[in-house]
Amino acid sequence: MLISNYSYIPILSLKPAEMAALEELPAKDKRLMLPLISLKKWANSKSFIKSTERIEKAIGKNYWIADIDKEHLLLAKQRLADGDDGVSAEIVSLAASNNGYENWVNFISTNENIIPTIQLSDLSALDLQLSNFSNINKTIVVRFELSGSHPIELGDFSFVVKKLSERKYPQGILIVLDYGDVNRFNLIEYYKNSNLVKQLNALMPEAYFCVSGTSFPYSFAGSYRGEIPIFERQIYNKVVADCQGVKFIYSDRGSTRASGNDGGSGTPPPRIDYPLKNEWRFIRKELNDTIEKEVLYQEAAIEIMNSEYWDAELRLWGTQMIEKTSLGDQYGITSANRATAVRINLHLYQQLHYFDVLKSLDTEEDWVD
C-alpha cells in the first residue's frame, strides 16, 4: 500500500448516512480515496465485529484508516462502569494503552486492509506503540486534533512531534492536522496552517500531510435557497500553494459537521443539498400542516434539477436519488437521513475529482458476469 496512490482522505464517522454515501460510490472511485473512519458501536449491534463488517460493506476490500471514536469511548467507559460487558467492553479494551496499545496493534495487524492511527491518549506508551507498529510493517497515520472537545495540548503536541521525528518510516507516515470546524476567518489566516506544515516538514521531510476541517453549517434556519463556500477546500488550496515541495493529500469531513448537531426534537424541515467543487447549493422548505414532507422534498428536487448548476450528465447514486425524488418515488429522498447520504455521496465524488472535468469521467460500474 502506497500513500502516494491516494488523492483524497475524507474523515468519516460510522453513521448510516455516511456509510450509505460511501457504499454507493462507483467501485473505481473507492480505490482512489482512503477514508479515515473513527470506530464505535454500529447501530444497535451486540458485537464490535459488526462495525468493521459495515465499513467493509461500504468500502469493499480497499484500504481505509482506522481511529477510535473518542466521544463513543467515553460513553463506553461509562456503560462498562454501569455493568455493560458487551460492545462497550470491546471498545474499551481496544483503546487500552497497556504494552504499547497492544490490543489496538493486534486488531490492526489482523486486518490487512486497515491502516492504523496512532493513539495519543497515553503518551507514556507512545514509543512502544510506534515500535509495535513498525514490527507489522504498515503505513501509520498520526491525527492531531487541534480544536473541538479533545484538542491536543501544545506540550503534548511538541512531545509527539519530537518522538516521530526520531524514527524512519519505510512504509510511510501521514500527518493529519484536524482543525475541526473552520470558517472564513481561518481562510484569512491560512498562513498559520502553512507555517505549522513547513515546520513539521522540516523535521519529517518524508511525511505526507493533510490539513483537514469542515465548514458545513450547523443551522439553515430561515433560509430558503443559497450557496455556502467550502472553506476547507479554499484553505487547503492556499496552504498547498504556500508550501512548495511538501507532499499533500486533500482531506475534509465529507461535508459532515465536526460535532454532533442536536437540532432539537421533531422533524427537520426538508432540505436537499447539491455539492459542487467549491460550494454547497441547497433548497430548503418550511414544514406546514397542509403539505406532506415528501411533497416538499419533491418540490425541492424539482427546483434543483431546474437550476443552472444541475448537471444532468453526472450519473451518480446521489443525482439519481434527486431524480427519483422529483418524480415522487417513495425510494427517493423522504427523510433528512437520506438527504444527508445524497449530499455526502455527491461531495465525496466532487472532491475526489476536484481537478478533473466531470463530464469526461465514466461513472458507470463495470459489468461482471
Protein backbone atom coordinates (compact mmCIF):
# COMPACT_ATOMS: atom_id res chain seq x y z
CA MET A 1 0.00 0.00 0.00
CA LEU A 2 1.48 3.37 -1.07
CA ILE A 3 0.06 6.53 0.47
CA SER A 4 1.05 8.40 -2.70
CA ASN A 5 -1.63 6.45 -4.61
CA TYR A 6 -4.41 8.42 -2.94
CA SER A 7 -5.73 11.90 -3.65
CA TYR A 8 -8.45 12.22 -1.00
CA ILE A 9 -8.75 11.26 2.67
CA PRO A 10 -12.24 12.06 3.96
CA ILE A 11 -12.70 11.84 7.74
CA LEU A 12 -15.97 9.97 8.28
CA SER A 13 -17.99 8.60 11.18
CA LEU A 14 -19.58 5.20 11.48
CA LYS A 15 -23.10 6.52 10.87
CA PRO A 16 -25.79 5.17 8.50
CA ALA A 17 -25.82 8.18 6.15
CA GLU A 18 -22.05 8.28 5.81
CA MET A 19 -21.72 4.55 5.22
CA ALA A 20 -24.55 4.60 2.64
CA ALA A 21 -22.94 7.53 0.80
CA LEU A 22 -19.60 5.72 0.67
CA GLU A 23 -21.14 2.40 -0.31
CA GLU A 24 -22.96 3.91 -3.29
CA LEU A 25 -19.86 5.41 -4.90
CA PRO A 26 -18.55 3.66 -8.04
CA ALA A 27 -16.04 0.93 -7.16
CA LYS A 28 -13.31 2.60 -9.23
CA ASP A 29 -13.62 5.75 -7.13
CA LYS A 30 -13.40 3.89 -3.83
CA ARG A 31 -9.98 2.68 -4.91
CA LEU A 32 -8.79 6.29 -5.24
CA MET A 33 -9.75 7.50 -1.76
CA LEU A 34 -8.55 6.46 1.67
CA PRO A 35 -11.27 7.22 4.22
CA LEU A 36 -10.38 7.76 7.86
CA ILE A 37 -13.18 6.24 9.92
CA SER A 38 -13.49 6.50 13.69
CA LEU A 39 -14.64 3.20 15.15
CA LYS A 40 -17.58 2.86 17.50
CA LYS A 41 -20.58 0.61 18.01
CA TRP A 42 -22.58 0.13 14.82
CA ALA A 43 -26.27 0.97 15.32
CA ASN A 44 -27.79 -1.50 17.84
CA SER A 45 -25.32 -4.31 17.20
CA LYS A 46 -24.22 -6.59 20.04
CA SER A 47 -20.71 -7.21 18.73
CA PHE A 48 -17.88 -4.94 17.64
CA ILE A 49 -17.29 -7.09 14.55
CA LYS A 50 -20.47 -5.57 13.10
CA SER A 51 -18.70 -2.21 12.93
CA THR A 52 -15.87 -3.44 10.72
CA GLU A 53 -18.29 -5.52 8.67
CA ARG A 54 -20.37 -2.41 7.91
CA ILE A 55 -17.27 -0.49 6.86
CA GLU A 56 -16.14 -3.33 4.60
CA LYS A 57 -19.61 -3.46 3.08
CA ALA A 58 -19.22 0.23 2.23
CA ILE A 59 -15.58 0.31 1.09
CA GLY A 60 -15.11 -3.26 -0.13
CA LYS A 61 -11.63 -4.78 0.15
CA ASN A 62 -9.97 -1.40 -0.29
CA TYR A 63 -7.67 0.17 2.30
CA TRP A 64 -9.04 2.50 4.96
CA ILE A 65 -7.65 4.26 8.03
CA ALA A 66 -9.00 3.32 11.46
CA ASP A 67 -9.20 5.54 14.52
CA ILE A 68 -11.18 5.22 17.76
CA ASP A 69 -14.20 7.49 18.27
CA LYS A 70 -13.28 9.40 21.45
CA GLU A 71 -16.82 10.50 22.32
CA HIS A 72 -18.08 6.95 21.96
CA LEU A 73 -15.15 5.67 24.03
CA LEU A 74 -16.17 7.93 26.92
CA LEU A 75 -19.72 6.57 26.71
CA ALA A 76 -18.41 3.01 26.52
CA LYS A 77 -16.34 3.51 29.67
CA GLN A 78 -19.41 4.82 31.49
CA ARG A 79 -21.56 1.94 30.28
CA LEU A 80 -18.88 -0.54 31.28
CA ALA A 81 -18.82 1.00 34.76
CA ASP A 82 -22.60 0.57 34.84
CA GLY A 83 -22.30 -3.14 34.10
CA ASP A 84 -22.43 -3.35 30.29
CA ASP A 85 -19.96 -6.07 29.28
CA GLY A 86 -20.86 -6.26 25.57
CA VAL A 87 -19.62 -3.93 22.83
CA SER A 88 -18.60 -1.35 25.43
CA ALA A 89 -16.06 -3.78 26.89
CA GLU A 90 -14.65 -4.48 23.43
CA ILE A 91 -14.22 -0.78 22.64
CA VAL A 92 -12.60 -0.01 26.00
CA SER A 93 -10.26 -2.98 25.62
CA LEU A 94 -9.29 -1.87 22.12
CA ALA A 95 -8.29 1.56 23.46
CA ALA A 96 -6.29 0.26 26.43
CA SER A 97 -2.74 1.64 26.43
CA ASN A 98 -1.03 -1.26 28.21
CA ASN A 99 2.00 -2.78 26.43
CA GLY A 100 2.10 0.00 23.86
CA TYR A 101 -1.60 -0.25 22.93
CA GLU A 102 -1.15 -3.98 22.37
CA ASN A 103 -4.84 -4.67 21.68
CA TRP A 104 -5.04 -1.88 19.12
CA VAL A 105 -1.88 -3.10 17.39
CA ASN A 106 -3.18 -6.69 17.33
CA PHE A 107 -6.50 -5.53 15.88
CA ILE A 108 -4.73 -3.64 13.08
CA SER A 109 -2.29 -6.48 12.38
CA THR A 110 -5.10 -8.99 11.85
CA ASN A 111 -6.92 -6.74 9.36
CA GLU A 112 -4.87 -6.47 6.19
CA ASN A 113 -6.78 -3.55 4.67
CA ILE A 114 -6.74 -1.32 7.76
CA ILE A 115 -4.16 1.45 8.24
CA PRO A 116 -3.60 2.46 11.89
CA THR A 117 -3.99 5.84 13.50
CA ILE A 118 -1.55 6.23 16.39
CA GLN A 119 -3.39 6.59 19.70
CA LEU A 120 -2.28 9.64 21.71
CA SER A 121 -4.33 9.37 24.91
CA ASP A 122 -1.42 7.91 26.90
CA LEU A 123 1.86 9.35 25.67
CA SER A 124 3.91 7.21 28.04
CA ALA A 125 3.04 4.33 25.69
CA LEU A 126 3.94 6.20 22.50
CA ASP A 127 7.45 4.84 21.97
CA LEU A 128 6.40 1.23 22.44
CA GLN A 129 3.30 1.73 20.28
CA LEU A 130 5.44 3.09 17.44
CA SER A 131 7.81 0.15 17.81
CA ASN A 132 4.90 -2.29 17.81
CA PHE A 133 3.55 -0.83 14.58
CA SER A 134 6.96 -0.79 12.94
CA ASN A 135 7.07 -4.56 13.51
CA ILE A 136 3.89 -5.12 11.45
CA ASN A 137 5.26 -3.07 8.56
CA LYS A 138 2.35 -0.74 7.81
CA THR A 139 1.94 2.91 6.92
CA ILE A 140 0.98 4.84 10.03
CA VAL A 141 -1.26 7.87 10.49
CA VAL A 142 -0.90 10.49 13.21
CA ARG A 143 -4.01 12.59 13.67
CA PHE A 144 -3.57 15.79 15.65
CA GLU A 145 -6.95 17.14 16.75
CA LEU A 146 -6.22 20.85 17.06
CA SER A 147 -9.71 22.00 18.10
CA GLY A 148 -13.00 20.61 19.30
CA SER A 149 -13.71 18.67 22.51
CA HIS A 150 -10.41 16.75 22.58
CA PRO A 151 -7.67 19.11 21.32
CA ILE A 152 -4.09 18.06 21.95
CA GLU A 153 -2.17 20.31 24.33
CA LEU A 154 0.81 22.23 22.97
CA GLY A 155 3.31 20.41 25.18
CA ASP A 156 1.95 17.02 24.16
CA PHE A 157 2.00 18.07 20.50
CA SER A 158 5.67 19.01 20.74
CA PHE A 159 6.48 15.75 22.55
CA VAL A 160 4.78 13.62 19.87
CA VAL A 161 6.44 15.50 17.02
CA LYS A 162 9.87 15.04 18.63
CA LYS A 163 9.29 11.29 19.03
CA LEU A 164 8.03 10.96 15.45
CA SER A 165 10.99 12.84 14.01
CA GLU A 166 13.43 10.42 15.65
CA ARG A 167 12.25 7.46 13.57
CA LYS A 168 12.18 6.29 9.99
CA TYR A 169 9.02 5.00 8.33
CA PRO A 170 9.76 2.57 5.48
CA GLN A 171 6.03 2.18 4.72
CA GLY A 172 5.30 5.90 5.03
CA ILE A 173 3.77 8.28 7.56
CA LEU A 174 0.78 10.59 7.17
CA ILE A 175 0.27 13.61 9.44
CA VAL A 176 -3.36 14.76 9.68
CA LEU A 177 -3.82 18.26 11.09
CA ASP A 178 -7.50 18.17 12.02
CA TYR A 179 -8.86 21.65 12.68
CA GLY A 180 -12.48 20.58 13.14
CA ASP A 181 -14.81 23.49 12.38
CA VAL A 182 -13.32 26.13 10.06
CA ASN A 183 -14.71 29.35 8.57
CA ARG A 184 -13.79 32.47 6.63
CA PHE A 185 -11.57 33.70 9.46
CA ASN A 186 -9.45 30.55 9.16
CA LEU A 187 -9.15 31.18 5.43
CA ILE A 188 -7.86 34.71 6.05
CA GLU A 189 -5.27 33.31 8.47
CA TYR A 190 -4.31 30.30 6.35
CA TYR A 191 -0.63 31.22 6.78
CA LYS A 192 -0.81 29.85 10.34
CA ASN A 193 -1.55 26.44 8.85
CA SER A 194 1.21 26.92 6.29
CA ASN A 195 3.79 27.84 8.91
CA LEU A 196 2.99 24.78 11.00
CA VAL A 197 3.22 22.47 7.98
CA LYS A 198 6.58 23.97 6.99
CA GLN A 199 7.97 23.42 10.49
CA LEU A 200 6.77 19.81 10.57
CA ASN A 201 8.01 19.11 7.06
CA ALA A 202 11.48 20.35 8.02
CA LEU A 203 11.54 17.71 10.77
CA MET A 204 9.88 14.94 8.73
CA PRO A 205 10.50 15.59 5.02
CA GLU A 206 9.35 12.08 4.12
CA ALA A 207 5.88 12.62 5.61
CA TYR A 208 2.63 13.30 3.76
CA PHE A 209 0.33 15.97 5.19
CA CYS A 210 -3.41 16.61 5.41
CA VAL A 211 -4.91 19.93 6.51
CA SER A 212 -8.47 18.95 7.35
CA GLY A 213 -11.66 20.55 8.64
CA THR A 214 -15.26 21.33 7.80
CA SER A 215 -17.29 24.47 7.27
CA PHE A 216 -20.65 22.78 6.76
CA PRO A 217 -23.17 24.87 8.73
CA TYR A 218 -24.95 23.71 11.87
CA SER A 219 -28.14 25.58 11.03
CA PHE A 220 -30.11 26.66 7.96
CA ALA A 221 -32.92 28.28 9.94
CA GLY A 222 -34.75 30.95 7.97
CA SER A 223 -33.04 30.12 4.68
CA TYR A 224 -34.87 29.04 1.54
CA ARG A 225 -32.10 28.63 -1.01
CA GLY A 226 -28.48 29.60 -1.28
CA GLU A 227 -24.84 28.66 -1.67
CA ILE A 228 -22.21 28.09 1.01
CA PRO A 229 -18.47 28.31 0.31
CA ILE A 230 -16.44 25.19 1.07
CA PHE A 231 -13.82 26.97 3.15
CA GLU A 232 -11.86 23.79 3.90
CA ARG A 233 -11.07 23.40 0.20
CA GLN A 234 -10.11 27.07 -0.12
CA ILE A 235 -7.83 26.85 2.93
CA TYR A 236 -6.18 23.72 1.54
CA ASN A 237 -5.57 25.35 -1.84
CA LYS A 238 -3.91 28.34 -0.15
CA VAL A 239 -1.73 26.18 2.08
CA VAL A 240 -0.58 23.96 -0.79
CA ALA A 241 0.37 26.99 -2.88
CA ASP A 242 2.33 28.38 0.08
CA CYS A 243 4.19 25.14 0.88
CA GLN A 244 6.17 24.26 -2.21
CA GLY A 245 7.80 20.84 -2.08
CA VAL A 246 5.57 19.47 0.68
CA LYS A 247 3.65 16.26 -0.06
CA PHE A 248 -0.09 16.88 0.48
CA ILE A 249 -3.28 14.83 0.26
CA TYR A 250 -6.62 16.61 0.44
CA SER A 251 -8.81 15.85 3.46
CA ASP A 252 -12.11 17.10 4.87
CA ARG A 253 -15.13 15.78 6.78
CA GLY A 254 -17.03 14.71 3.69
CA SER A 255 -19.49 17.62 4.12
CA THR A 256 -20.41 16.49 7.64
CA ARG A 257 -20.07 18.54 10.81
CA ALA A 258 -17.17 18.30 13.24
CA SER A 259 -19.50 17.95 16.23
CA GLY A 260 -22.90 16.36 16.63
CA ASN A 261 -25.84 18.59 15.81
CA ASP A 262 -28.61 18.08 18.35
CA GLY A 263 -31.04 20.01 16.20
CA GLY A 264 -33.82 19.69 18.75
CA SER A 265 -36.69 17.25 18.58
CA GLY A 266 -39.20 16.83 15.80
CA THR A 267 -38.93 16.53 12.03
CA PRO A 268 -36.34 18.84 10.43
CA PRO A 269 -37.54 20.99 7.52
CA PRO A 270 -36.99 19.20 4.18
CA ARG A 271 -33.71 20.30 2.57
CA ILE A 272 -31.74 18.93 -0.37
CA ASP A 273 -28.11 19.91 -0.79
CA TYR A 274 -26.25 19.82 -4.09
CA PRO A 275 -22.45 19.88 -3.65
CA LEU A 276 -20.22 21.48 -6.27
CA LYS A 277 -16.43 21.62 -6.19
CA ASN A 278 -16.19 24.91 -4.30
CA GLU A 279 -19.60 25.41 -2.70
CA TRP A 280 -22.73 23.67 -1.50
CA ARG A 281 -26.04 24.72 -3.04
CA PHE A 282 -29.30 23.97 -1.25
CA ILE A 283 -33.07 24.25 -1.42
CA ARG A 284 -34.95 24.23 1.89
CA LYS A 285 -38.67 24.05 2.51
CA GLU A 286 -40.56 25.03 5.65
CA LEU A 287 -42.82 22.39 7.16
CA ASN A 288 -46.52 23.20 7.31
CA ASP A 289 -49.75 21.42 8.16
CA THR A 290 -51.13 21.39 4.62
CA ILE A 291 -48.32 19.74 2.62
CA GLU A 292 -46.68 16.41 3.42
CA LYS A 293 -42.91 16.48 3.84
CA GLU A 294 -42.49 14.01 0.96
CA VAL A 295 -44.13 16.54 -1.34
CA LEU A 296 -41.80 19.26 -0.04
CA TYR A 297 -38.78 17.07 -0.79
CA GLN A 298 -40.20 16.54 -4.27
CA GLU A 299 -40.59 20.30 -4.79
CA ALA A 300 -37.01 20.89 -3.63
CA ALA A 301 -35.69 18.21 -6.00
CA ILE A 302 -37.57 19.73 -8.94
CA GLU A 303 -36.13 23.16 -8.17
CA ILE A 304 -32.59 21.77 -8.00
CA MET A 305 -32.99 19.97 -11.32
CA ASN A 306 -34.27 23.19 -12.89
CA SER A 307 -31.34 25.23 -11.59
CA GLU A 308 -28.37 26.40 -13.66
CA TYR A 309 -25.92 24.30 -11.61
CA TRP A 310 -27.68 20.95 -12.11
CA ASP A 311 -25.53 18.57 -14.18
CA ALA A 312 -27.79 16.11 -15.99
CA GLU A 313 -24.75 14.20 -17.27
CA LEU A 314 -23.43 13.38 -13.81
CA ARG A 315 -24.71 9.83 -13.33
CA LEU A 316 -24.14 9.10 -9.64
CA TRP A 317 -26.32 7.49 -7.00
CA GLY A 318 -26.82 10.92 -5.41
CA THR A 319 -28.10 12.55 -8.61
CA GLN A 320 -30.30 9.56 -9.36
CA MET A 321 -31.83 9.86 -5.88
CA ILE A 322 -32.65 13.52 -6.57
CA GLU A 323 -34.22 12.50 -9.88
CA LYS A 324 -36.33 9.84 -8.15
CA THR A 325 -37.42 12.39 -5.57
CA SER A 326 -38.53 14.81 -8.28
CA LEU A 327 -40.84 12.06 -9.59
CA GLY A 328 -42.35 11.42 -6.19
CA ASP A 329 -40.71 7.98 -5.94
CA GLN A 330 -41.01 6.51 -2.43
CA TYR A 331 -37.43 5.24 -2.75
CA GLY A 332 -36.10 8.76 -3.27
CA ILE A 333 -35.33 11.32 -0.58
CA THR A 334 -38.06 11.19 2.06
CA SER A 335 -36.06 11.95 5.20
CA ALA A 336 -33.16 14.05 6.48
CA ASN A 337 -31.00 10.92 6.76
CA ARG A 338 -31.43 10.09 3.06
CA ALA A 339 -30.82 13.71 2.11
CA THR A 340 -27.58 13.66 4.11
CA ALA A 341 -26.43 10.46 2.39
CA VAL A 342 -27.10 12.03 -1.01
CA ARG A 343 -25.13 15.15 -0.15
CA ILE A 344 -22.14 13.18 1.17
CA ASN A 345 -22.17 10.88 -1.87
CA LEU A 346 -22.01 13.85 -4.25
CA HIS A 347 -19.49 15.76 -2.14
CA LEU A 348 -17.08 12.81 -1.96
CA TYR A 349 -17.18 12.46 -5.73
CA GLN A 350 -16.74 16.18 -6.39
CA GLN A 351 -13.72 16.48 -4.08
CA LEU A 352 -12.13 13.24 -5.28
CA HIS A 353 -12.28 14.60 -8.84
CA TYR A 354 -11.65 18.23 -7.97
CA PHE A 355 -9.12 18.70 -10.77
CA ASP A 356 -10.98 16.57 -13.32
CA VAL A 357 -13.54 17.53 -15.94
CA LEU A 358 -16.51 15.59 -14.61
CA LYS A 359 -18.21 15.21 -17.97
CA SER A 360 -15.24 13.23 -19.25
CA LEU A 361 -15.40 10.68 -16.42
CA ASP A 362 -17.13 7.31 -16.57
CA THR A 363 -19.34 6.76 -13.52
CA GLU A 364 -20.92 3.53 -14.71
CA GLU A 365 -19.89 0.33 -12.95
CA ASP A 366 -18.04 -2.37 -14.85
CA TRP A 367 -20.33 -5.27 -15.82
CA VAL A 368 -19.38 -8.58 -14.20
CA ASP A 369 -20.69 -11.95 -15.42
